[in-house]
Amino acid sequence: MSVEAEHSQPILQSYVGFDSITSQIEKKLLKRGFQFNVMVVGQSGLGKSTLINTIFASHLIDSKGRIQPDEASRQTVEIHSFTEAIVENGVKLRLNIVDTPGYGDQVNNENCWEPIIKYIKDQHSSFLRKELTAMRDRFIQDTRIHCCLFFISPTGHSLKPIDIVVLKKLTEVVNVVPVIAKSDSLTIEERIAFKHRIKEEMKFHNINLYPYASDEDDEQDSALNDSIQDLIPFAVVGSEKTIVVDGKTVRGRQNRWGVINVENENHCEFIHLRNFLTRTHLQDLIETTAMIHYETFRSKQLLALKENGQQ
């Protein structure tokens, strides 16, 4: 028998039905629902809570911003997680948002990133412990951080030294997506120059951001990821307020110079960020966390246990 004949694909003589496996998987997944864990990191006052609420079109986190001009600023002083179940067209998403204290806010910012890194690793450790138990649950509750939104202050100059340190630490343990917060405070020209400067700094410091190149990517995947890399860092504006523009109700902000429509790509890149997080890369963020960041942690832990057992 020739090699060619041996590897030829057999022709089905009648309908078998295994092509329905995708609908079987979909039915089970829809019944179970999906889990997505997002962490927000950045200095205080950058609108982290507002942007999360804007992305998921729901009031999920109370903003810490001032309600009155003379009100003292409110800050997150420790790591908090908030869980909400949201439903869209029959698809249930259990969304876990992890709000972190504004780093770099103190006089002494030495090792201010450590509680954030520890929290991320603690979630890996918790998952590993549950995975290694003799009578483990059929479905282990996943609290591993799938995406870290890193908020950059819209200074228009460059990244702060502490930003670079925190970014390098974070990219070792989690998928990091940087955003320029409150980008409407910059002109279009300032925004373009600022984004270019940040890209150059990240390249110089070898900061490896998600999405990562993969041998499994086809041409379409690679083209999509390249377009995302071109947009990073996303220049965004968040708003839960609705305003009327030309007879249409939109989410945005109004000031003396006009209206910022957060879903108008000529005003900011919010819509690209939302599509990226929810419509094109949500599942890949979850899988990349499991296959890259968690596997790296798991391997190190199991090797350390083996070495300790041999001593």
Protein backbone atom coordinates (compact mmCIF):
# COMPACT_ATOMS: atom_id res chain seq x y z
CA MET A 1 0.00 0.00 0.00
CA SER A 2 1.38 3.41 -0.91
CA VAL A 3 1.99 6.07 1.74
CA GLU A 4 -0.43 8.34 -0.09
CA ALA A 5 -3.22 5.74 -0.01
CA GLU A 6 -2.51 4.97 3.64
CA HIS A 7 -3.07 8.60 4.66
CA SER A 8 -6.03 9.36 2.37
CA GLN A 9 -9.13 10.60 4.14
CA PRO A 10 -11.94 8.03 4.22
CA ILE A 11 -15.23 9.03 2.60
CA LEU A 12 -18.34 8.60 4.76
CA GLN A 13 -20.99 6.49 3.04
CA SER A 14 -23.84 8.02 5.03
CA TYR A 15 -24.51 10.66 7.69
CA VAL A 16 -22.98 9.67 11.06
CA GLY A 17 -23.78 12.71 13.19
CA PHE A 18 -20.54 13.53 15.03
CA ASP A 19 -20.58 16.99 13.46
CA SER A 20 -23.15 17.85 16.15
CA ILE A 21 -20.41 17.73 18.80
CA THR A 22 -19.98 21.52 18.59
CA SER A 23 -23.66 22.09 19.46
CA GLN A 24 -23.35 19.51 22.27
CA ILE A 25 -20.37 21.42 23.71
CA GLU A 26 -22.19 24.74 23.30
CA LYS A 27 -25.25 23.40 25.15
CA LYS A 28 -23.14 22.26 28.11
CA LEU A 29 -21.15 25.48 28.25
CA LEU A 30 -24.27 27.64 28.09
CA LYS A 31 -25.77 25.70 30.98
CA ARG A 32 -22.59 26.07 33.06
CA GLY A 33 -21.82 29.67 32.11
CA PHE A 34 -18.43 31.33 31.79
CA GLN A 35 -16.00 32.87 34.27
CA PHE A 36 -13.89 35.93 33.48
CA ASN A 37 -11.57 37.57 36.01
CA VAL A 38 -10.29 41.10 35.39
CA MET A 39 -7.84 43.07 37.52
CA VAL A 40 -7.44 46.84 37.28
CA VAL A 41 -4.07 48.38 38.18
CA GLY A 42 -2.97 52.00 38.16
CA GLN A 43 -2.63 55.16 40.15
CA SER A 44 -5.65 56.61 41.95
CA GLY A 45 -8.00 58.94 40.08
CA LEU A 46 -7.63 57.43 36.59
CA GLY A 47 -11.23 56.22 36.28
CA LYS A 48 -10.60 52.49 36.67
CA SER A 49 -14.07 51.73 38.07
CA THR A 50 -15.81 53.90 35.48
CA LEU A 51 -14.05 52.20 32.56
CA ILE A 52 -15.00 48.71 33.79
CA ASN A 53 -18.63 49.81 34.13
CA THR A 54 -18.50 51.31 30.63
CA ILE A 55 -17.01 48.17 29.04
CA PHE A 56 -19.68 45.86 30.45
CA ALA A 57 -22.53 48.39 30.12
CA SER A 58 -23.50 47.83 33.77
CA HIS A 59 -22.92 49.58 37.07
CA LEU A 60 -20.64 46.96 38.63
CA ILE A 61 -18.30 49.06 40.81
CA ASP A 62 -18.93 52.34 42.61
CA SER A 63 -16.58 55.06 41.43
CA LYS A 64 -14.15 56.52 43.96
CA GLY A 65 -14.20 59.91 42.22
CA ARG A 66 -15.32 63.09 43.95
CA ILE A 67 -19.05 63.75 43.82
CA GLN A 68 -18.62 67.38 44.94
CA PRO A 69 -15.60 69.63 44.14
CA ASP A 70 -14.83 70.19 47.83
CA GLU A 71 -15.13 66.50 48.73
CA ALA A 72 -12.02 64.64 49.87
CA SER A 73 -10.78 62.06 47.37
CA ARG A 74 -11.71 58.44 48.09
CA GLN A 75 -9.15 55.75 47.39
CA THR A 76 -9.03 51.97 47.32
CA VAL A 77 -6.69 51.10 50.21
CA GLU A 78 -6.62 47.31 49.82
CA ILE A 79 -7.38 44.71 47.18
CA HIS A 80 -11.10 44.04 46.75
CA SER A 81 -12.90 41.64 44.43
CA PHE A 82 -16.48 42.09 43.19
CA THR A 83 -18.44 39.34 41.47
CA GLU A 84 -21.50 39.85 39.30
CA ALA A 85 -23.39 37.49 36.98
CA ILE A 86 -24.42 39.24 33.79
CA VAL A 87 -26.47 37.69 30.96
CA GLU A 88 -26.51 38.58 27.26
CA ASN A 89 -28.67 36.67 24.75
CA GLY A 90 -28.79 33.59 26.99
CA VAL A 91 -25.02 33.57 27.67
CA LYS A 92 -24.21 33.88 31.38
CA LEU A 93 -20.91 35.47 32.33
CA ARG A 94 -19.72 35.37 35.91
CA LEU A 95 -17.54 38.47 36.02
CA ASN A 96 -15.02 38.88 38.82
CA ILE A 97 -13.41 42.33 39.03
CA VAL A 98 -10.36 42.82 41.23
CA ASP A 99 -9.81 46.43 42.25
CA THR A 100 -6.32 47.23 43.52
CA PRO A 101 -4.98 50.17 45.59
CA GLY A 102 -3.50 52.98 43.54
CA TYR A 103 0.20 52.20 43.44
CA GLY A 104 2.73 55.00 43.54
CA ASP A 105 0.42 57.15 45.69
CA GLN A 106 2.62 57.05 48.77
CA VAL A 107 5.76 58.97 49.69
CA ASN A 108 7.69 55.69 49.84
CA ASN A 109 6.68 53.49 46.89
CA GLU A 110 9.32 50.82 47.40
CA ASN A 111 7.93 47.38 46.49
CA CYS A 112 4.42 48.85 46.23
CA TRP A 113 3.60 46.25 43.53
CA GLU A 114 4.22 43.26 45.81
CA PRO A 115 0.63 42.92 47.18
CA ILE A 116 -0.68 42.86 43.59
CA ILE A 117 1.80 40.20 42.44
CA LYS A 118 1.13 38.18 45.60
CA TYR A 119 -2.63 38.27 44.97
CA ILE A 120 -2.19 36.96 41.40
CA LYS A 121 0.12 34.16 42.56
CA ASP A 122 -2.21 33.30 45.46
CA GLN A 123 -4.99 32.59 42.94
CA HIS A 124 -2.68 30.22 41.04
CA SER A 125 -1.71 28.57 44.32
CA SER A 126 -5.36 28.14 45.36
CA PHE A 127 -6.24 26.55 42.01
CA LEU A 128 -3.23 24.21 42.22
CA ARG A 129 -4.16 23.04 45.73
CA LYS A 130 -7.71 22.23 44.59
CA GLU A 131 -6.35 20.50 41.49
CA LEU A 132 -4.03 18.24 43.51
CA THR A 133 -6.58 17.09 46.12
CA ALA A 134 -7.59 13.42 45.94
CA MET A 135 -11.33 14.20 45.88
CA ARG A 136 -11.28 17.34 43.77
CA ASP A 137 -14.37 19.10 42.49
CA ARG A 138 -15.52 18.30 38.98
CA PHE A 139 -15.38 21.98 38.11
CA ILE A 140 -12.83 23.95 40.11
CA GLN A 141 -13.84 27.54 40.74
CA ASP A 142 -11.40 29.63 38.74
CA THR A 143 -10.22 32.85 40.41
CA ARG A 144 -7.01 33.12 38.34
CA ILE A 145 -6.64 36.58 36.81
CA HIS A 146 -7.30 36.36 33.07
CA CYS A 147 -6.63 39.99 32.20
CA CYS A 148 -4.92 42.91 33.92
CA LEU A 149 -5.91 46.34 32.65
CA PHE A 150 -2.96 48.61 33.35
CA PHE A 151 -3.93 52.30 33.52
CA ILE A 152 -1.40 54.87 32.31
CA SER A 153 -1.74 58.48 33.40
CA PRO A 154 -2.30 60.82 30.39
CA THR A 155 0.75 62.99 31.07
CA GLY A 156 1.68 63.24 27.41
CA HIS A 157 5.35 62.79 28.33
CA SER A 158 6.50 59.24 29.00
CA LEU A 159 6.03 56.31 31.35
CA LYS A 160 7.09 56.93 34.92
CA PRO A 161 9.98 54.78 36.21
CA ILE A 162 7.59 53.05 38.61
CA ASP A 163 5.23 52.22 35.69
CA ILE A 164 8.05 50.39 33.94
CA VAL A 165 8.95 48.40 37.07
CA VAL A 166 5.32 47.40 37.74
CA LEU A 167 4.70 46.50 34.09
CA LYS A 168 7.75 44.22 34.01
CA LYS A 169 6.66 42.47 37.21
CA LEU A 170 3.06 42.04 36.01
CA THR A 171 3.86 40.70 32.55
CA GLU A 172 5.72 37.80 34.16
CA VAL A 173 2.54 36.48 35.81
CA VAL A 174 -0.54 37.78 33.94
CA ASN A 175 -1.90 38.97 30.58
CA VAL A 176 -1.39 42.75 30.67
CA VAL A 177 -3.41 45.16 28.51
CA PRO A 178 -2.26 48.81 28.92
CA VAL A 179 -4.67 51.70 28.46
CA ILE A 180 -4.13 55.45 28.47
CA ALA A 181 -6.81 56.65 30.88
CA LYS A 182 -8.85 59.83 30.35
CA SER A 183 -7.29 60.29 26.94
CA ASP A 184 -9.65 63.17 26.15
CA SER A 185 -7.28 65.34 28.19
CA LEU A 186 -4.83 65.04 25.27
CA THR A 187 -5.16 66.48 21.77
CA ILE A 188 -5.10 64.00 18.87
CA GLU A 189 -1.50 64.98 18.07
CA GLU A 190 -0.43 64.66 21.72
CA ARG A 191 -2.13 61.26 21.96
CA ILE A 192 -0.37 59.90 18.86
CA ALA A 193 3.02 61.12 20.08
CA PHE A 194 2.39 59.77 23.61
CA LYS A 195 1.39 56.32 22.30
CA HIS A 196 4.49 56.17 20.09
CA ARG A 197 6.73 57.12 23.02
CA ILE A 198 5.17 54.45 25.24
CA LYS A 199 5.60 51.79 22.53
CA GLU A 200 9.27 52.69 22.19
CA GLU A 201 9.80 52.55 25.96
CA MET A 202 8.12 49.15 26.24
CA LYS A 203 10.20 47.80 23.39
CA PHE A 204 13.40 49.16 24.96
CA HIS A 205 12.60 47.56 28.33
CA ASN A 206 11.51 44.23 26.73
CA ILE A 207 8.01 44.41 28.20
CA ASN A 208 6.10 41.50 26.66
CA LEU A 209 2.42 42.35 26.34
CA TYR A 210 -0.61 40.27 25.42
CA PRO A 211 -1.54 39.07 22.79
CA TYR A 212 1.47 36.80 22.34
CA ALA A 213 2.61 35.25 19.06
CA SER A 214 1.70 31.57 18.77
CA ASP A 215 2.53 28.78 16.31
CA GLU A 216 -1.16 27.84 16.39
CA ASP A 217 -2.23 31.19 14.92
CA ASP A 218 -3.39 31.15 11.30
CA GLU A 219 -3.05 34.14 8.97
CA GLN A 220 -6.35 35.64 10.18
CA ASP A 221 -5.36 35.30 13.85
CA SER A 222 -1.95 36.83 13.20
CA ALA A 223 -3.44 39.75 11.28
CA LEU A 224 -5.94 40.41 14.10
CA ASN A 225 -3.22 40.27 16.77
CA ASP A 226 -0.99 42.58 14.73
CA SER A 227 -3.83 45.12 14.52
CA ILE A 228 -4.27 44.90 18.31
CA GLN A 229 -0.53 45.41 18.90
CA ASP A 230 -0.70 48.50 16.68
CA LEU A 231 -3.46 49.95 18.89
CA ILE A 232 -1.79 49.19 22.24
CA PRO A 233 -1.85 51.14 24.51
CA PHE A 234 -5.55 51.82 23.95
CA ALA A 235 -6.37 55.52 24.39
CA VAL A 236 -9.74 55.38 26.15
CA VAL A 237 -12.45 57.43 27.81
CA GLY A 238 -15.03 55.92 30.14
CA SER A 239 -18.48 57.27 31.00
CA GLU A 240 -21.68 55.86 32.42
CA LYS A 241 -23.62 59.01 31.56
CA THR A 242 -25.86 59.15 28.50
CA ILE A 243 -26.18 62.27 26.39
CA VAL A 244 -28.13 63.06 23.22
CA VAL A 245 -26.12 63.79 20.06
CA ASP A 246 -28.00 64.48 16.80
CA GLY A 247 -31.10 62.86 18.24
CA LYS A 248 -29.25 59.70 19.32
CA THR A 249 -28.56 58.69 22.92
CA VAL A 250 -24.88 57.83 23.44
CA ARG A 251 -22.57 57.27 26.38
CA GLY A 252 -20.14 60.10 26.73
CA ARG A 253 -18.94 63.26 28.40
CA GLN A 254 -19.90 66.83 27.66
CA ASN A 255 -17.78 69.90 28.32
CA ARG A 256 -17.69 73.50 27.15
CA TRP A 257 -15.91 72.51 23.92
CA GLY A 258 -18.27 69.76 22.85
CA VAL A 259 -19.12 66.10 23.39
CA ILE A 260 -16.89 63.05 23.78
CA ASN A 261 -18.77 60.00 22.51
CA VAL A 262 -16.94 57.03 24.05
CA GLU A 263 -18.14 54.70 21.26
CA ASN A 264 -16.97 56.98 18.45
CA GLU A 265 -13.57 55.71 17.28
CA ASN A 266 -12.73 59.21 16.07
CA HIS A 267 -12.95 60.39 19.69
CA CYS A 268 -11.14 57.52 21.47
CA GLU A 269 -10.28 53.83 21.17
CA PHE A 270 -12.76 52.52 23.72
CA ILE A 271 -14.73 50.55 21.15
CA HIS A 272 -11.56 48.76 20.02
CA LEU A 273 -10.72 47.85 23.62
CA ARG A 274 -14.23 46.55 24.31
CA ASN A 275 -14.32 44.48 21.11
CA PHE A 276 -10.89 43.07 21.92
CA LEU A 277 -11.81 42.09 25.48
CA THR A 278 -15.28 40.69 24.81
CA ARG A 279 -15.79 39.89 21.13
CA THR A 280 -12.47 38.55 19.83
CA HIS A 281 -10.09 37.61 22.68
CA LEU A 282 -12.13 36.77 25.79
CA GLN A 283 -11.72 33.01 25.41
CA ASP A 284 -8.07 33.33 24.40
CA LEU A 285 -7.33 35.43 27.51
CA ILE A 286 -8.79 32.61 29.64
CA GLU A 287 -6.88 29.89 27.78
CA THR A 288 -3.59 31.81 27.76
CA THR A 289 -3.84 32.26 31.54
CA ALA A 290 -4.25 28.50 31.97
CA MET A 291 -1.72 27.34 29.38
CA ILE A 292 1.07 29.89 29.90
CA HIS A 293 0.94 31.79 33.21
CA TYR A 294 -0.63 29.05 35.34
CA GLU A 295 1.45 26.28 33.74
CA THR A 296 4.65 28.24 34.44
CA PHE A 297 3.61 28.66 38.09
CA ARG A 298 2.48 25.03 38.37
CA SER A 299 5.74 23.66 36.93
CA LYS A 300 7.85 25.71 39.33
CA GLN A 301 5.79 24.63 42.34
CA LEU A 302 5.84 20.93 41.45
CA LEU A 303 9.58 20.99 40.75
CA ALA A 304 10.17 22.69 44.12
CA LEU A 305 8.07 19.98 45.85
CA LYS A 306 10.05 17.26 44.10
CA GLU A 307 13.40 18.80 45.10
CA ASN A 308 12.27 19.23 48.71
CA GLY A 309 11.13 15.59 48.76
CA GLN A 310 14.54 14.37 47.60
CA GLN A 311 16.42 16.24 50.32
